[in-house]
Amino acid sequence: MTRNILDQAHIHPAALAQIESNHPHLIAEVKAAIAANKVVVVGMGLNPFPAKARKILAAQGTPYTYLSYGNYFSQWRPRLALKLWSGWSTFPMIFVNGTLIGGANDLQKLIDSGEFARLVG
C-alpha cells in the first residue's frame, strides 16, 4: 500500500518552498532522535495518550527517548509540521527501530501480540 500524498510536480514552486520551510529544524530533531534511539515517543503536554505510551513502555522495562512539543494551547504549528511529515494525525507518534508503529493503543496491540518484543529484541 502506498501513501497517498500530493506529487511535488503538482505543487507550485512558491508553495513548495513554504512547505519545505515548515519547521525543518523540528523534523531534523525528531529524525536524529529516531536514528540514535531504538524507541522514540513524540508527544505533547496535557494529552493523556503520550503519558499512557510512556507508562506502557516503563512497565515493559523498555528504554525510550521522549520528545514533547507544546500542549493543546501552544506550539500547534510545529506539531502540524510533524503530522504532515509523518502522515500520522495524532500524538503520540511512536517509532521503533526507525519505523512509525502508531500511537499508544497500537503499541499495546503490538505488545499483546508479542510483536513488540521481536521488534525491540
N, C-alpha and C. Protein backbone atom coordinates (compact mmCIF):
# COMPACT_ATOMS: atom_id res chain seq x y z
N MET A 1 0.84 -1.18 0.00
CA MET A 1 0.00 0.00 0.00
C MET A 1 0.89 1.24 0.00
N THR A 2 0.63 2.15 -0.89
CA THR A 2 1.41 3.38 -0.94
C THR A 2 0.68 4.50 -0.23
N ARG A 3 1.47 5.42 0.27
CA ARG A 3 0.92 6.57 0.98
C ARG A 3 0.42 7.59 -0.03
N ASN A 4 -0.78 8.06 0.15
CA ASN A 4 -1.40 8.99 -0.78
C ASN A 4 -1.01 10.43 -0.42
N ILE A 5 0.00 10.94 -1.14
CA ILE A 5 0.41 12.33 -0.94
C ILE A 5 0.46 13.03 -2.29
N LEU A 6 0.31 14.33 -2.27
CA LEU A 6 0.31 15.12 -3.49
C LEU A 6 1.70 15.11 -4.12
N ASP A 7 1.79 14.78 -5.37
CA ASP A 7 3.06 14.75 -6.09
C ASP A 7 3.62 16.17 -6.18
N GLN A 8 4.94 16.29 -5.96
CA GLN A 8 5.57 17.60 -5.99
C GLN A 8 5.41 18.31 -7.33
N ALA A 9 5.22 17.56 -8.40
CA ALA A 9 5.02 18.16 -9.72
C ALA A 9 3.72 18.97 -9.76
N HIS A 10 2.83 18.73 -8.82
CA HIS A 10 1.55 19.44 -8.78
C HIS A 10 1.51 20.50 -7.69
N ILE A 11 2.68 20.91 -7.23
CA ILE A 11 2.77 21.98 -6.23
C ILE A 11 3.57 23.12 -6.82
N HIS A 12 3.02 24.30 -6.78
CA HIS A 12 3.70 25.49 -7.31
C HIS A 12 5.01 25.69 -6.53
N PRO A 13 6.08 26.14 -7.21
CA PRO A 13 7.37 26.32 -6.53
C PRO A 13 7.31 27.21 -5.28
N ALA A 14 6.49 28.24 -5.31
CA ALA A 14 6.38 29.11 -4.14
C ALA A 14 5.75 28.36 -2.96
N ALA A 15 4.74 27.55 -3.25
CA ALA A 15 4.11 26.77 -2.20
C ALA A 15 5.05 25.68 -1.69
N LEU A 16 5.81 25.08 -2.60
CA LEU A 16 6.77 24.04 -2.21
C LEU A 16 7.84 24.61 -1.29
N ALA A 17 8.29 25.80 -1.58
CA ALA A 17 9.29 26.45 -0.71
C ALA A 17 8.72 26.67 0.68
N GLN A 18 7.45 27.04 0.75
CA GLN A 18 6.81 27.24 2.05
C GLN A 18 6.67 25.92 2.80
N ILE A 19 6.33 24.85 2.09
CA ILE A 19 6.22 23.52 2.70
C ILE A 19 7.58 23.08 3.25
N GLU A 20 8.63 23.26 2.46
CA GLU A 20 9.96 22.84 2.85
C GLU A 20 10.51 23.64 4.03
N SER A 21 10.00 24.85 4.24
CA SER A 21 10.49 25.67 5.34
C SER A 21 9.61 25.57 6.58
N ASN A 22 8.72 24.60 6.60
CA ASN A 22 7.80 24.42 7.72
C ASN A 22 8.47 23.64 8.86
N HIS A 23 9.17 24.35 9.73
CA HIS A 23 9.83 23.80 10.91
C HIS A 23 10.80 22.66 10.59
N PRO A 24 11.71 22.86 9.63
CA PRO A 24 12.64 21.78 9.28
C PRO A 24 13.56 21.39 10.45
N HIS A 25 13.87 22.35 11.34
CA HIS A 25 14.72 22.03 12.49
C HIS A 25 14.05 21.02 13.42
N LEU A 26 12.75 21.13 13.55
CA LEU A 26 11.99 20.22 14.40
C LEU A 26 11.97 18.81 13.80
N ILE A 27 11.73 18.73 12.53
CA ILE A 27 11.73 17.43 11.85
C ILE A 27 13.12 16.82 11.92
N ALA A 28 14.16 17.63 11.75
CA ALA A 28 15.53 17.14 11.86
C ALA A 28 15.81 16.62 13.26
N GLU A 29 15.29 17.30 14.26
CA GLU A 29 15.47 16.86 15.66
C GLU A 29 14.83 15.49 15.89
N VAL A 30 13.63 15.30 15.38
CA VAL A 30 12.94 14.02 15.53
C VAL A 30 13.67 12.93 14.74
N LYS A 31 14.09 13.24 13.53
CA LYS A 31 14.84 12.26 12.72
C LYS A 31 16.12 11.84 13.44
N ALA A 32 16.83 12.81 14.03
CA ALA A 32 18.07 12.49 14.75
C ALA A 32 17.80 11.59 15.95
N ALA A 33 16.73 11.86 16.67
CA ALA A 33 16.37 11.02 17.82
C ALA A 33 16.02 9.62 17.37
N ILE A 34 15.31 9.50 16.26
CA ILE A 34 14.92 8.19 15.72
C ILE A 34 16.18 7.42 15.30
N ALA A 35 17.13 8.11 14.69
CA ALA A 35 18.36 7.45 14.24
C ALA A 35 19.23 7.00 15.41
N ALA A 36 19.16 7.72 16.53
CA ALA A 36 20.05 7.44 17.66
C ALA A 36 19.44 6.53 18.73
N ASN A 37 18.14 6.27 18.65
CA ASN A 37 17.47 5.52 19.72
C ASN A 37 16.58 4.43 19.15
N LYS A 38 16.49 3.33 19.86
CA LYS A 38 15.67 2.21 19.41
C LYS A 38 14.19 2.54 19.48
N VAL A 39 13.78 3.22 20.56
CA VAL A 39 12.37 3.58 20.74
C VAL A 39 12.27 5.07 21.03
N VAL A 40 11.43 5.76 20.27
CA VAL A 40 11.20 7.20 20.44
C VAL A 40 9.71 7.45 20.51
N VAL A 41 9.31 8.23 21.51
CA VAL A 41 7.92 8.65 21.65
C VAL A 41 7.89 10.16 21.46
N VAL A 42 7.10 10.61 20.50
CA VAL A 42 6.92 12.04 20.26
C VAL A 42 5.53 12.40 20.77
N GLY A 43 5.47 13.33 21.70
CA GLY A 43 4.19 13.66 22.31
C GLY A 43 4.01 15.14 22.55
N MET A 44 3.06 15.41 23.41
CA MET A 44 2.72 16.78 23.78
C MET A 44 2.11 16.78 25.17
N GLY A 45 2.22 17.91 25.86
CA GLY A 45 1.67 18.03 27.19
C GLY A 45 0.15 18.06 27.19
N LEU A 46 -0.43 17.68 28.29
CA LEU A 46 -1.87 17.68 28.54
C LEU A 46 -2.64 16.61 27.77
N ASN A 47 -1.94 15.84 26.94
CA ASN A 47 -2.58 14.77 26.19
C ASN A 47 -2.31 13.47 26.95
N PRO A 48 -3.34 12.74 27.33
CA PRO A 48 -3.11 11.54 28.14
C PRO A 48 -2.47 10.38 27.39
N PHE A 49 -2.52 10.37 26.08
CA PHE A 49 -2.02 9.21 25.33
C PHE A 49 -0.50 9.11 25.28
N PRO A 50 0.25 10.22 25.16
CA PRO A 50 1.70 10.08 25.31
C PRO A 50 2.09 9.56 26.69
N ALA A 51 1.39 10.02 27.72
CA ALA A 51 1.66 9.52 29.07
C ALA A 51 1.34 8.03 29.17
N LYS A 52 0.27 7.61 28.53
CA LYS A 52 -0.10 6.20 28.51
C LYS A 52 0.99 5.37 27.84
N ALA A 53 1.50 5.84 26.71
CA ALA A 53 2.56 5.13 25.99
C ALA A 53 3.81 5.02 26.86
N ARG A 54 4.17 6.10 27.52
CA ARG A 54 5.35 6.09 28.38
C ARG A 54 5.16 5.12 29.54
N LYS A 55 3.98 5.06 30.09
CA LYS A 55 3.69 4.14 31.19
C LYS A 55 3.78 2.68 30.71
N ILE A 56 3.27 2.42 29.52
CA ILE A 56 3.33 1.07 28.95
C ILE A 56 4.79 0.66 28.75
N LEU A 57 5.58 1.55 28.18
CA LEU A 57 6.99 1.24 27.93
C LEU A 57 7.75 1.03 29.24
N ALA A 58 7.45 1.86 30.24
CA ALA A 58 8.10 1.70 31.55
C ALA A 58 7.74 0.35 32.17
N ALA A 59 6.48 -0.05 32.04
CA ALA A 59 6.05 -1.34 32.59
C ALA A 59 6.75 -2.51 31.89
N GLN A 60 7.10 -2.31 30.62
CA GLN A 60 7.82 -3.34 29.86
C GLN A 60 9.32 -3.32 30.16
N GLY A 61 9.77 -2.25 30.82
CA GLY A 61 11.20 -2.09 31.06
C GLY A 61 11.95 -1.70 29.80
N THR A 62 11.25 -1.09 28.87
CA THR A 62 11.84 -0.70 27.59
C THR A 62 12.36 0.73 27.67
N PRO A 63 13.66 0.92 27.46
CA PRO A 63 14.17 2.30 27.42
C PRO A 63 13.64 3.03 26.19
N TYR A 64 13.41 4.31 26.34
CA TYR A 64 12.89 5.11 25.23
C TYR A 64 13.33 6.55 25.40
N THR A 65 13.26 7.28 24.32
CA THR A 65 13.51 8.72 24.33
C THR A 65 12.18 9.40 24.11
N TYR A 66 11.92 10.43 24.91
CA TYR A 66 10.66 11.16 24.79
C TYR A 66 10.92 12.59 24.34
N LEU A 67 10.23 13.00 23.30
CA LEU A 67 10.28 14.37 22.81
C LEU A 67 8.88 14.96 22.96
N SER A 68 8.78 16.11 23.61
CA SER A 68 7.48 16.73 23.83
C SER A 68 7.46 18.11 23.19
N TYR A 69 6.37 18.40 22.49
CA TYR A 69 6.24 19.67 21.79
C TYR A 69 4.93 20.35 22.16
N GLY A 70 5.01 21.27 23.11
CA GLY A 70 3.87 22.09 23.50
C GLY A 70 2.75 21.30 24.13
N ASN A 71 1.56 21.88 24.06
CA ASN A 71 0.35 21.26 24.57
C ASN A 71 -0.83 21.76 23.74
N TYR A 72 -2.01 21.48 24.18
CA TYR A 72 -3.18 21.90 23.40
C TYR A 72 -3.23 23.41 23.17
N PHE A 73 -2.54 24.17 24.01
CA PHE A 73 -2.61 25.63 23.95
C PHE A 73 -1.38 26.28 23.31
N SER A 74 -0.38 25.48 22.97
CA SER A 74 0.84 26.08 22.40
C SER A 74 1.49 25.12 21.40
N GLN A 75 2.26 25.70 20.53
CA GLN A 75 3.09 25.00 19.55
C GLN A 75 2.30 24.09 18.61
N TRP A 76 1.10 24.49 18.24
CA TRP A 76 0.33 23.64 17.34
C TRP A 76 0.92 23.64 15.93
N ARG A 77 1.53 24.74 15.50
CA ARG A 77 2.12 24.76 14.16
C ARG A 77 3.31 23.81 14.03
N PRO A 78 4.23 23.80 14.99
CA PRO A 78 5.31 22.80 14.89
C PRO A 78 4.77 21.37 14.91
N ARG A 79 3.79 21.10 15.73
CA ARG A 79 3.21 19.75 15.76
C ARG A 79 2.55 19.41 14.43
N LEU A 80 1.94 20.40 13.79
CA LEU A 80 1.34 20.17 12.48
C LEU A 80 2.41 19.76 11.47
N ALA A 81 3.59 20.39 11.54
CA ALA A 81 4.68 20.01 10.64
C ALA A 81 5.05 18.55 10.83
N LEU A 82 5.08 18.09 12.09
CA LEU A 82 5.38 16.69 12.36
C LEU A 82 4.30 15.76 11.81
N LYS A 83 3.06 16.18 11.95
CA LYS A 83 1.96 15.36 11.43
C LYS A 83 2.02 15.25 9.91
N LEU A 84 2.32 16.36 9.25
CA LEU A 84 2.42 16.35 7.80
C LEU A 84 3.60 15.50 7.34
N TRP A 85 4.72 15.61 8.06
CA TRP A 85 5.91 14.84 7.72
C TRP A 85 5.67 13.34 7.89
N SER A 86 5.07 12.95 9.01
CA SER A 86 4.91 11.52 9.31
C SER A 86 3.68 10.91 8.66
N GLY A 87 2.66 11.73 8.42
CA GLY A 87 1.40 11.19 7.94
C GLY A 87 0.53 10.65 9.07
N TRP A 88 1.00 10.77 10.31
CA TRP A 88 0.25 10.30 11.48
C TRP A 88 -0.44 11.50 12.11
N SER A 89 -1.74 11.43 12.30
CA SER A 89 -2.50 12.62 12.66
C SER A 89 -2.67 12.87 14.16
N THR A 90 -2.18 11.98 15.00
CA THR A 90 -2.37 12.15 16.44
C THR A 90 -1.06 11.95 17.19
N PHE A 91 -1.10 12.29 18.47
CA PHE A 91 0.04 12.05 19.36
C PHE A 91 -0.37 11.06 20.43
N PRO A 92 0.57 10.18 20.78
CA PRO A 92 1.97 10.19 20.42
C PRO A 92 2.21 9.55 19.07
N MET A 93 3.41 9.80 18.60
CA MET A 93 3.96 9.08 17.44
C MET A 93 5.07 8.21 18.05
N ILE A 94 4.94 6.91 17.89
CA ILE A 94 5.93 6.02 18.48
C ILE A 94 6.72 5.36 17.35
N PHE A 95 8.03 5.48 17.45
CA PHE A 95 8.94 4.90 16.47
C PHE A 95 9.75 3.81 17.13
N VAL A 96 9.84 2.66 16.47
CA VAL A 96 10.66 1.55 16.94
C VAL A 96 11.60 1.16 15.81
N ASN A 97 12.88 1.23 16.10
CA ASN A 97 13.90 0.94 15.08
C ASN A 97 13.67 1.74 13.81
N GLY A 98 13.30 3.01 13.97
CA GLY A 98 13.12 3.90 12.83
C GLY A 98 11.79 3.81 12.12
N THR A 99 10.90 2.92 12.60
CA THR A 99 9.61 2.72 11.95
C THR A 99 8.49 3.24 12.83
N LEU A 100 7.61 4.04 12.25
CA LEU A 100 6.44 4.52 12.97
C LEU A 100 5.49 3.35 13.19
N ILE A 101 5.20 3.05 14.47
CA ILE A 101 4.28 1.94 14.76
C ILE A 101 2.88 2.43 15.10
N GLY A 102 2.71 3.75 15.30
CA GLY A 102 1.41 4.31 15.62
C GLY A 102 1.43 5.00 16.96
N GLY A 103 0.31 4.89 17.69
CA GLY A 103 0.17 5.55 18.97
C GLY A 103 0.15 4.57 20.13
N ALA A 104 -0.35 5.03 21.27
CA ALA A 104 -0.34 4.22 22.49
C ALA A 104 -1.15 2.94 22.34
N ASN A 105 -2.32 3.03 21.75
CA ASN A 105 -3.15 1.83 21.58
C ASN A 105 -2.50 0.83 20.62
N ASP A 106 -1.82 1.35 19.60
CA ASP A 106 -1.12 0.49 18.65
C ASP A 106 0.06 -0.20 19.34
N LEU A 107 0.74 0.52 20.20
CA LEU A 107 1.83 -0.05 20.99
C LEU A 107 1.32 -1.20 21.83
N GLN A 108 0.21 -0.99 22.52
CA GLN A 108 -0.35 -2.05 23.37
C GLN A 108 -0.73 -3.28 22.54
N LYS A 109 -1.28 -3.08 21.37
CA LYS A 109 -1.63 -4.21 20.50
C LYS A 109 -0.39 -5.00 20.10
N LEU A 110 0.70 -4.29 19.78
CA LEU A 110 1.94 -4.97 19.41
C LEU A 110 2.51 -5.75 20.60
N ILE A 111 2.40 -5.19 21.79
CA ILE A 111 2.86 -5.89 22.99
C ILE A 111 2.02 -7.14 23.21
N ASP A 112 0.71 -6.98 23.13
CA ASP A 112 -0.20 -8.11 23.36
C ASP A 112 0.03 -9.24 22.36
N SER A 113 0.38 -8.90 21.14
CA SER A 113 0.60 -9.93 20.10
C SER A 113 1.98 -10.56 20.18
N GLY A 114 2.88 -9.94 20.95
CA GLY A 114 4.25 -10.44 21.04
C GLY A 114 5.18 -9.83 20.00
N GLU A 115 4.64 -9.07 19.08
CA GLU A 115 5.44 -8.49 18.01
C GLU A 115 6.41 -7.42 18.54
N PHE A 116 5.98 -6.67 19.55
CA PHE A 116 6.84 -5.61 20.08
C PHE A 116 8.15 -6.20 20.62
N ALA A 117 8.07 -7.31 21.33
CA ALA A 117 9.27 -7.94 21.87
C ALA A 117 10.23 -8.33 20.75
N ARG A 118 9.68 -8.81 19.65
CA ARG A 118 10.52 -9.16 18.49
C ARG A 118 11.16 -7.91 17.87
N LEU A 119 10.40 -6.82 17.84
CA LEU A 119 10.90 -5.59 17.23
C LEU A 119 12.07 -5.01 18.04
N VAL A 120 11.95 -5.01 19.35
CA VAL A 120 12.99 -4.41 20.18
C VAL A 120 14.06 -5.40 20.59
N GLY A 121 13.80 -6.69 20.41
CA GLY A 121 14.73 -7.74 20.83
C GLY A 121 15.95 -7.82 20.06
